[in-house]
Amino acid sequence: MARIILIFSLFFSHLFSDNINYIEKYHDELCNILINTSNSIDDYFVEGDSSTQGSTTYAELSTSVAMEVNKVLEKDLRLRLRLSLPKIQKNLRLILEDENNDDSLYDRTSLNDEDLVDKSYYLRLEYLKFIKKQFNLALGVGLRIRNGNLVPYFNLRSRLDFYKGDKLRTSFYNRFRFYSDGESEEIAELNIIYTFNSTFYAIFRNQLSYSNRDNYENIYHDISFIKELNQQKKVSVGVGIRSRSENVKKYGVNYYHVHTRYHHLFYKKWLYYQIAPSILWREEHGFDLSYRLMLNFGIFFKK
């Protein structure tokens, strides 16, 4: 893995050393467009001077490619956009994200081979309210967009940090969504975080999700250990299992996997790549051992 990281680092260093001026100009122009768009929406509803200082408006575009034994080459593009609207309301934001970013169970063990124009998108206006220091609630209304079809929906999510010690923290997350066509879905998640020191911690994640369009629940358990090498680099290793159940009775495993990831924010604070090798045992392949290598490249657009 060390050799792969070295080759990948040298490749990007050479690529961007020749093109960095053009890339940086393009990046700055898009950042300004995002901030100006956010301010224009804010100014339309509330008169007064606008300011880009402290803006939390940002976008993220990432691309992935994965190679796995007994599978064809996979690829994926992901997009997320958040416009802050502080003049209308400090905690109000407009969010646009593709179906993969919207899916909290999407762990990239299977990439969505669709172009950005072919994906479903979720556009919502969300209001975040901190009821107590350890509890926050977000209400939202939005549209699911696919191939010109628009389906309005109501979104409610909450988070409770019910224990916070020096080393151990636990939190509960819940999201409920109801669509105008009668579909509903709910996600419940329990996270336990243990901090060994300032640069090394572990996350134990447990998630249950259900949609009334399916007759089963999705269940995911994962424990990961994350080591921050410095402000730009970190590495993680973990073990996960994804399964399903019918009425919390009939249980079946989709896959087990051992996963690792090397993350490098290699230029300023807006260009990164990830190298993610893993080992999987999939039900669809009779739980035979398979090897997977995924490469991710992403860019942030923010001030």
Protein backbone atom coordinates (compact mmCIF):
# COMPACT_ATOMS: atom_id res chain seq x y z
CA MET A 1 0.00 0.00 0.00
CA ALA A 2 2.90 2.38 0.77
CA ARG A 3 4.11 2.00 -2.83
CA ILE A 4 0.64 2.79 -4.21
CA ILE A 5 0.42 5.92 -2.03
CA LEU A 6 3.86 7.07 -3.20
CA ILE A 7 3.04 6.55 -6.90
CA PHE A 8 -0.33 8.29 -6.53
CA SER A 9 1.27 11.24 -4.69
CA LEU A 10 3.98 11.66 -7.33
CA PHE A 11 1.38 11.50 -10.11
CA PHE A 12 -0.74 14.28 -8.66
CA SER A 13 2.30 16.37 -7.78
CA HIS A 14 3.44 16.24 -11.41
CA LEU A 15 -0.05 16.80 -12.81
CA PHE A 16 -0.84 19.88 -10.75
CA SER A 17 2.60 21.45 -10.87
CA ASP A 18 2.05 22.04 -14.61
CA ASN A 19 -1.59 23.13 -14.42
CA ILE A 20 -2.03 24.66 -10.98
CA ASN A 21 -2.38 28.29 -12.12
CA TYR A 22 -5.24 27.42 -14.45
CA ILE A 23 -6.90 25.16 -11.87
CA GLU A 24 -6.61 27.77 -9.11
CA LYS A 25 -8.14 30.49 -11.31
CA TYR A 26 -11.02 28.19 -12.27
CA HIS A 27 -11.55 27.24 -8.62
CA ASP A 28 -11.60 30.87 -7.43
CA GLU A 29 -14.09 31.86 -10.13
CA LEU A 30 -16.48 29.07 -9.15
CA CYS A 31 -16.15 29.94 -5.45
CA ASN A 32 -17.09 33.54 -6.21
CA ILE A 33 -20.08 32.39 -8.26
CA LEU A 34 -21.30 30.26 -5.35
CA ILE A 35 -20.90 33.04 -2.78
CA ASN A 36 -22.53 35.62 -5.07
CA THR A 37 -25.45 33.29 -5.79
CA SER A 38 -25.96 32.68 -2.09
CA ASN A 39 -25.82 36.41 -1.34
CA SER A 40 -28.21 37.21 -4.19
CA ILE A 41 -30.84 34.83 -2.79
CA ASP A 42 -30.30 36.27 0.69
CA ASP A 43 -30.52 39.89 -0.58
CA TYR A 44 -33.67 39.16 -2.58
CA PHE A 45 -35.64 38.43 0.58
CA VAL A 46 -33.84 40.73 3.03
CA GLU A 47 -32.52 44.17 2.09
CA GLY A 48 -29.17 45.37 3.36
CA ASP A 49 -25.47 44.96 2.80
CA SER A 50 -24.23 41.46 2.12
CA SER A 51 -20.90 40.04 3.22
CA THR A 52 -18.90 36.98 2.25
CA GLN A 53 -17.04 36.94 5.56
CA GLY A 54 -17.70 33.77 7.50
CA SER A 55 -19.89 32.29 4.78
CA THR A 56 -20.53 28.56 5.13
CA THR A 57 -21.64 28.20 1.52
CA TYR A 58 -19.70 25.42 -0.19
CA ALA A 59 -19.84 22.72 -2.85
CA GLU A 60 -18.02 19.41 -3.21
CA LEU A 61 -17.48 17.45 -6.40
CA SER A 62 -15.83 14.03 -6.25
CA THR A 63 -15.15 11.20 -8.62
CA SER A 64 -14.35 7.56 -7.84
CA VAL A 65 -13.14 4.52 -9.73
CA ALA A 66 -13.03 1.00 -8.29
CA MET A 67 -11.58 -2.32 -9.38
CA GLU A 68 -12.69 -5.58 -7.78
CA VAL A 69 -12.22 -9.27 -8.42
CA ASN A 70 -15.16 -10.74 -10.43
CA LYS A 71 -16.66 -7.29 -11.09
CA VAL A 72 -16.43 -4.84 -13.98
CA LEU A 73 -14.66 -1.52 -13.55
CA GLU A 74 -16.93 0.86 -11.61
CA LYS A 75 -17.02 4.64 -11.52
CA ASP A 76 -19.02 7.32 -9.82
CA LEU A 77 -19.48 11.09 -9.62
CA ARG A 78 -20.87 12.82 -6.56
CA LEU A 79 -22.10 16.38 -6.04
CA ARG A 80 -23.16 18.31 -2.95
CA LEU A 81 -24.01 21.99 -2.66
CA ARG A 82 -25.00 23.99 0.41
CA LEU A 83 -25.96 27.67 0.28
CA SER A 84 -26.11 29.49 3.61
CA LEU A 85 -28.75 32.22 3.93
CA PRO A 86 -27.80 34.06 7.14
CA LYS A 87 -29.73 37.27 6.43
CA ILE A 88 -33.02 35.42 6.00
CA GLN A 89 -32.31 33.25 9.03
CA LYS A 90 -28.99 32.38 10.65
CA ASN A 91 -29.76 28.64 10.68
CA LEU A 92 -31.39 28.44 7.25
CA ARG A 93 -29.65 26.70 4.35
CA LEU A 94 -30.44 25.48 0.85
CA ILE A 95 -29.01 22.04 0.06
CA LEU A 96 -28.67 20.20 -3.24
CA GLU A 97 -27.12 16.72 -3.27
CA ASP A 98 -27.20 13.64 -5.44
CA GLU A 99 -28.76 10.36 -4.33
CA ASN A 100 -25.47 8.92 -3.10
CA ASN A 101 -24.68 11.84 -0.81
CA ASP A 102 -28.27 11.68 0.45
CA ASP A 103 -27.93 7.96 1.27
CA SER A 104 -26.20 7.59 4.65
CA LEU A 105 -25.72 3.84 3.97
CA TYR A 106 -23.73 4.52 0.79
CA ASP A 107 -20.28 3.17 1.70
CA ARG A 108 -18.87 2.87 -1.86
CA THR A 109 -18.67 -0.92 -1.76
CA SER A 110 -20.74 -0.60 -4.94
CA LEU A 111 -20.40 2.51 -7.08
CA ASN A 112 -23.31 4.06 -8.93
CA ASP A 113 -22.32 3.97 -12.61
CA GLU A 114 -24.44 6.98 -13.61
CA ASP A 115 -23.50 10.36 -15.01
CA LEU A 116 -24.47 13.42 -12.98
CA VAL A 117 -27.30 14.25 -15.40
CA ASP A 118 -28.87 10.79 -14.93
CA LYS A 119 -28.94 10.71 -11.15
CA SER A 120 -31.69 11.56 -8.71
CA TYR A 121 -31.19 14.80 -6.81
CA TYR A 122 -32.56 16.11 -3.55
CA LEU A 123 -33.15 19.84 -3.22
CA ARG A 124 -34.35 21.06 0.17
CA LEU A 125 -34.64 24.13 2.32
CA GLU A 126 -33.57 23.23 5.86
CA TYR A 127 -33.82 25.04 9.18
CA LEU A 128 -31.53 23.92 11.99
CA LYS A 129 -32.55 24.61 15.59
CA PHE A 130 -30.40 23.99 18.67
CA ILE A 131 -32.95 23.25 21.35
CA LYS A 132 -30.33 22.37 23.93
CA LYS A 133 -26.57 22.25 23.87
CA GLN A 134 -26.57 18.49 23.27
CA PHE A 135 -29.69 18.31 21.06
CA ASN A 136 -30.45 19.79 17.66
CA LEU A 137 -33.41 19.47 15.34
CA ALA A 138 -33.61 20.22 11.62
CA LEU A 139 -36.84 20.70 9.67
CA GLY A 140 -36.91 20.78 5.91
CA VAL A 141 -39.05 20.69 2.79
CA GLY A 142 -37.69 19.65 -0.56
CA LEU A 143 -37.99 18.07 -3.98
CA ARG A 144 -36.68 14.75 -5.27
CA ILE A 145 -35.68 15.30 -8.91
CA ARG A 146 -35.14 12.56 -11.48
CA ASN A 147 -35.56 12.76 -15.26
CA GLY A 148 -37.75 15.83 -14.92
CA ASN A 149 -40.06 14.26 -12.33
CA LEU A 150 -40.52 16.31 -9.14
CA VAL A 151 -41.70 14.71 -5.90
CA PRO A 152 -42.08 17.06 -2.89
CA TYR A 153 -41.12 15.72 0.52
CA PHE A 154 -40.95 16.66 4.20
CA ASN A 155 -37.71 16.03 6.09
CA LEU A 156 -37.18 15.83 9.85
CA ARG A 157 -33.86 14.95 11.44
CA SER A 158 -32.52 15.13 14.96
CA ARG A 159 -29.32 14.46 16.85
CA LEU A 160 -28.85 13.84 20.55
CA ASP A 161 -25.40 13.77 22.16
CA PHE A 162 -26.45 11.93 25.29
CA TYR A 163 -23.00 11.32 26.75
CA LYS A 164 -19.84 13.35 26.38
CA GLY A 165 -16.84 12.47 28.52
CA ASP A 166 -13.13 13.15 28.25
CA LYS A 167 -12.55 10.13 25.99
CA LEU A 168 -15.97 8.60 25.27
CA ARG A 169 -18.85 10.23 23.36
CA THR A 170 -22.14 8.73 22.25
CA SER A 171 -24.77 10.21 19.96
CA PHE A 172 -28.09 9.16 18.46
CA TYR A 173 -29.20 10.34 15.01
CA ASN A 174 -32.63 9.97 13.42
CA ARG A 175 -34.04 11.03 10.06
CA PHE A 176 -37.64 10.70 8.93
CA ARG A 177 -38.82 11.61 5.44
CA PHE A 178 -42.28 11.56 3.86
CA TYR A 179 -42.87 12.01 0.11
CA SER A 180 -46.03 13.33 -1.54
CA ASP A 181 -46.43 10.06 -3.48
CA GLY A 182 -46.91 8.15 -0.20
CA GLU A 183 -43.38 6.83 0.21
CA SER A 184 -41.74 7.18 3.61
CA GLU A 185 -38.35 6.25 5.02
CA GLU A 186 -36.60 6.39 8.36
CA ILE A 187 -32.99 6.05 9.51
CA ALA A 188 -31.80 5.54 13.09
CA GLU A 189 -28.11 5.60 13.95
CA LEU A 190 -26.13 5.14 17.16
CA ASN A 191 -22.50 6.24 17.16
CA ILE A 192 -19.90 5.65 19.86
CA ILE A 193 -16.61 7.54 19.61
CA TYR A 194 -13.60 6.76 21.77
CA THR A 195 -10.58 9.08 21.71
CA PHE A 196 -7.22 7.54 22.53
CA ASN A 197 -5.33 10.81 22.10
CA SER A 198 -5.55 14.03 20.10
CA THR A 199 -4.74 12.28 16.79
CA PHE A 200 -6.11 8.76 17.26
CA TYR A 201 -9.74 7.72 17.78
CA ALA A 202 -12.25 4.95 17.05
CA ILE A 203 -15.86 5.11 15.82
CA PHE A 204 -18.39 2.33 16.39
CA ARG A 205 -21.33 2.94 14.05
CA ASN A 206 -24.69 1.14 14.13
CA GLN A 207 -27.47 1.97 11.68
CA LEU A 208 -30.98 0.76 10.89
CA SER A 209 -32.96 2.09 7.93
CA TYR A 210 -36.39 1.30 6.52
CA SER A 211 -38.56 2.39 3.60
CA ASN A 212 -42.19 1.41 3.05
CA ARG A 213 -41.35 0.61 -0.59
CA ASP A 214 -39.33 -2.39 0.66
CA ASN A 215 -40.35 -5.33 2.84
CA TYR A 216 -37.07 -5.42 4.74
CA GLU A 217 -34.78 -3.27 6.92
CA ASN A 218 -31.15 -2.47 6.17
CA ILE A 219 -28.70 -2.88 9.04
CA TYR A 220 -25.09 -1.76 9.16
CA HIS A 221 -22.42 -2.18 11.85
CA ASP A 222 -18.90 -0.85 11.51
CA ILE A 223 -15.93 -0.12 13.74
CA SER A 224 -13.14 2.06 12.38
CA PHE A 225 -9.86 3.33 13.80
CA ILE A 226 -8.67 6.70 12.47
CA LYS A 227 -5.17 8.10 12.81
CA GLU A 228 -4.49 11.72 11.83
CA LEU A 229 -0.92 11.86 10.53
CA ASN A 230 -1.03 15.67 10.26
CA GLN A 231 -3.53 18.36 9.24
CA GLN A 232 -3.59 17.14 5.63
CA LYS A 233 -3.23 13.37 5.98
CA LYS A 234 -5.07 10.63 7.81
CA VAL A 235 -5.42 6.88 7.55
CA SER A 236 -8.21 4.59 8.75
CA VAL A 237 -8.81 0.86 9.04
CA GLY A 238 -12.06 -0.87 9.95
CA VAL A 239 -14.37 -3.85 9.80
CA GLY A 240 -18.01 -3.68 8.73
CA ILE A 241 -21.03 -5.87 8.07
CA ARG A 242 -24.15 -4.98 6.11
CA SER A 243 -27.26 -7.11 6.42
CA ARG A 244 -31.04 -7.05 6.08
CA SER A 245 -34.00 -8.37 8.03
CA GLU A 246 -37.71 -8.82 7.42
CA ASN A 247 -39.81 -7.41 10.26
CA VAL A 248 -36.67 -7.68 12.45
CA LYS A 249 -37.00 -11.48 12.26
CA LYS A 250 -35.58 -13.09 9.15
CA TYR A 251 -31.92 -12.08 8.96
CA GLY A 252 -29.45 -12.27 6.07
CA VAL A 253 -25.95 -10.88 5.48
CA ASN A 254 -25.20 -8.85 2.34
CA TYR A 255 -21.45 -8.66 2.87
CA TYR A 256 -18.58 -8.44 5.33
CA HIS A 257 -15.62 -6.21 4.59
CA VAL A 258 -12.28 -5.10 5.98
CA HIS A 259 -11.55 -1.63 4.70
CA THR A 260 -8.71 0.88 4.82
CA ARG A 261 -8.43 4.43 3.53
CA TYR A 262 -5.63 6.93 3.08
CA HIS A 263 -6.84 10.53 2.79
CA HIS A 264 -4.58 13.35 1.61
CA LEU A 265 -5.65 16.99 1.36
CA PHE A 266 -2.74 17.70 -0.91
CA TYR A 267 -3.31 21.26 -2.13
CA LYS A 268 -4.39 24.04 0.21
CA LYS A 269 -7.74 23.07 1.71
CA TRP A 270 -9.68 22.17 -1.41
CA LEU A 271 -8.02 19.35 -3.38
CA TYR A 272 -7.84 15.84 -2.00
CA TYR A 273 -7.47 12.22 -3.02
CA GLN A 274 -8.16 8.93 -1.26
CA ILE A 275 -6.78 5.44 -1.75
CA ALA A 276 -9.08 2.77 -0.34
CA PRO A 277 -8.14 -0.94 -0.63
CA SER A 278 -10.49 -3.47 0.98
CA ILE A 279 -11.31 -7.16 1.30
CA LEU A 280 -14.93 -8.31 0.93
CA TRP A 281 -17.04 -11.41 1.34
CA ARG A 282 -20.25 -10.85 -0.65
CA GLU A 283 -23.40 -12.95 -0.50
CA GLU A 284 -23.85 -12.62 -4.27
CA HIS A 285 -20.50 -14.39 -4.76
CA GLY A 286 -21.13 -17.13 -2.20
CA PHE A 287 -19.03 -15.23 0.37
CA ASP A 288 -15.85 -16.00 -1.56
CA LEU A 289 -12.97 -13.67 -0.77
CA SER A 290 -12.55 -10.73 -3.16
CA TYR A 291 -10.16 -7.80 -3.29
CA ARG A 292 -11.16 -4.23 -4.09
CA LEU A 293 -9.22 -1.04 -4.77
CA MET A 294 -10.95 2.32 -4.97
CA LEU A 295 -9.43 5.67 -5.88
CA ASN A 296 -11.23 8.92 -5.07
CA PHE A 297 -10.44 12.44 -6.14
CA GLY A 298 -12.36 15.47 -4.88
CA ILE A 299 -12.47 19.24 -4.85
CA PHE A 300 -14.11 21.69 -2.43
CA PHE A 301 -15.44 25.04 -3.55
CA LYS A 302 -15.60 27.37 -0.55
CA LYS A 303 -14.12 30.52 0.93
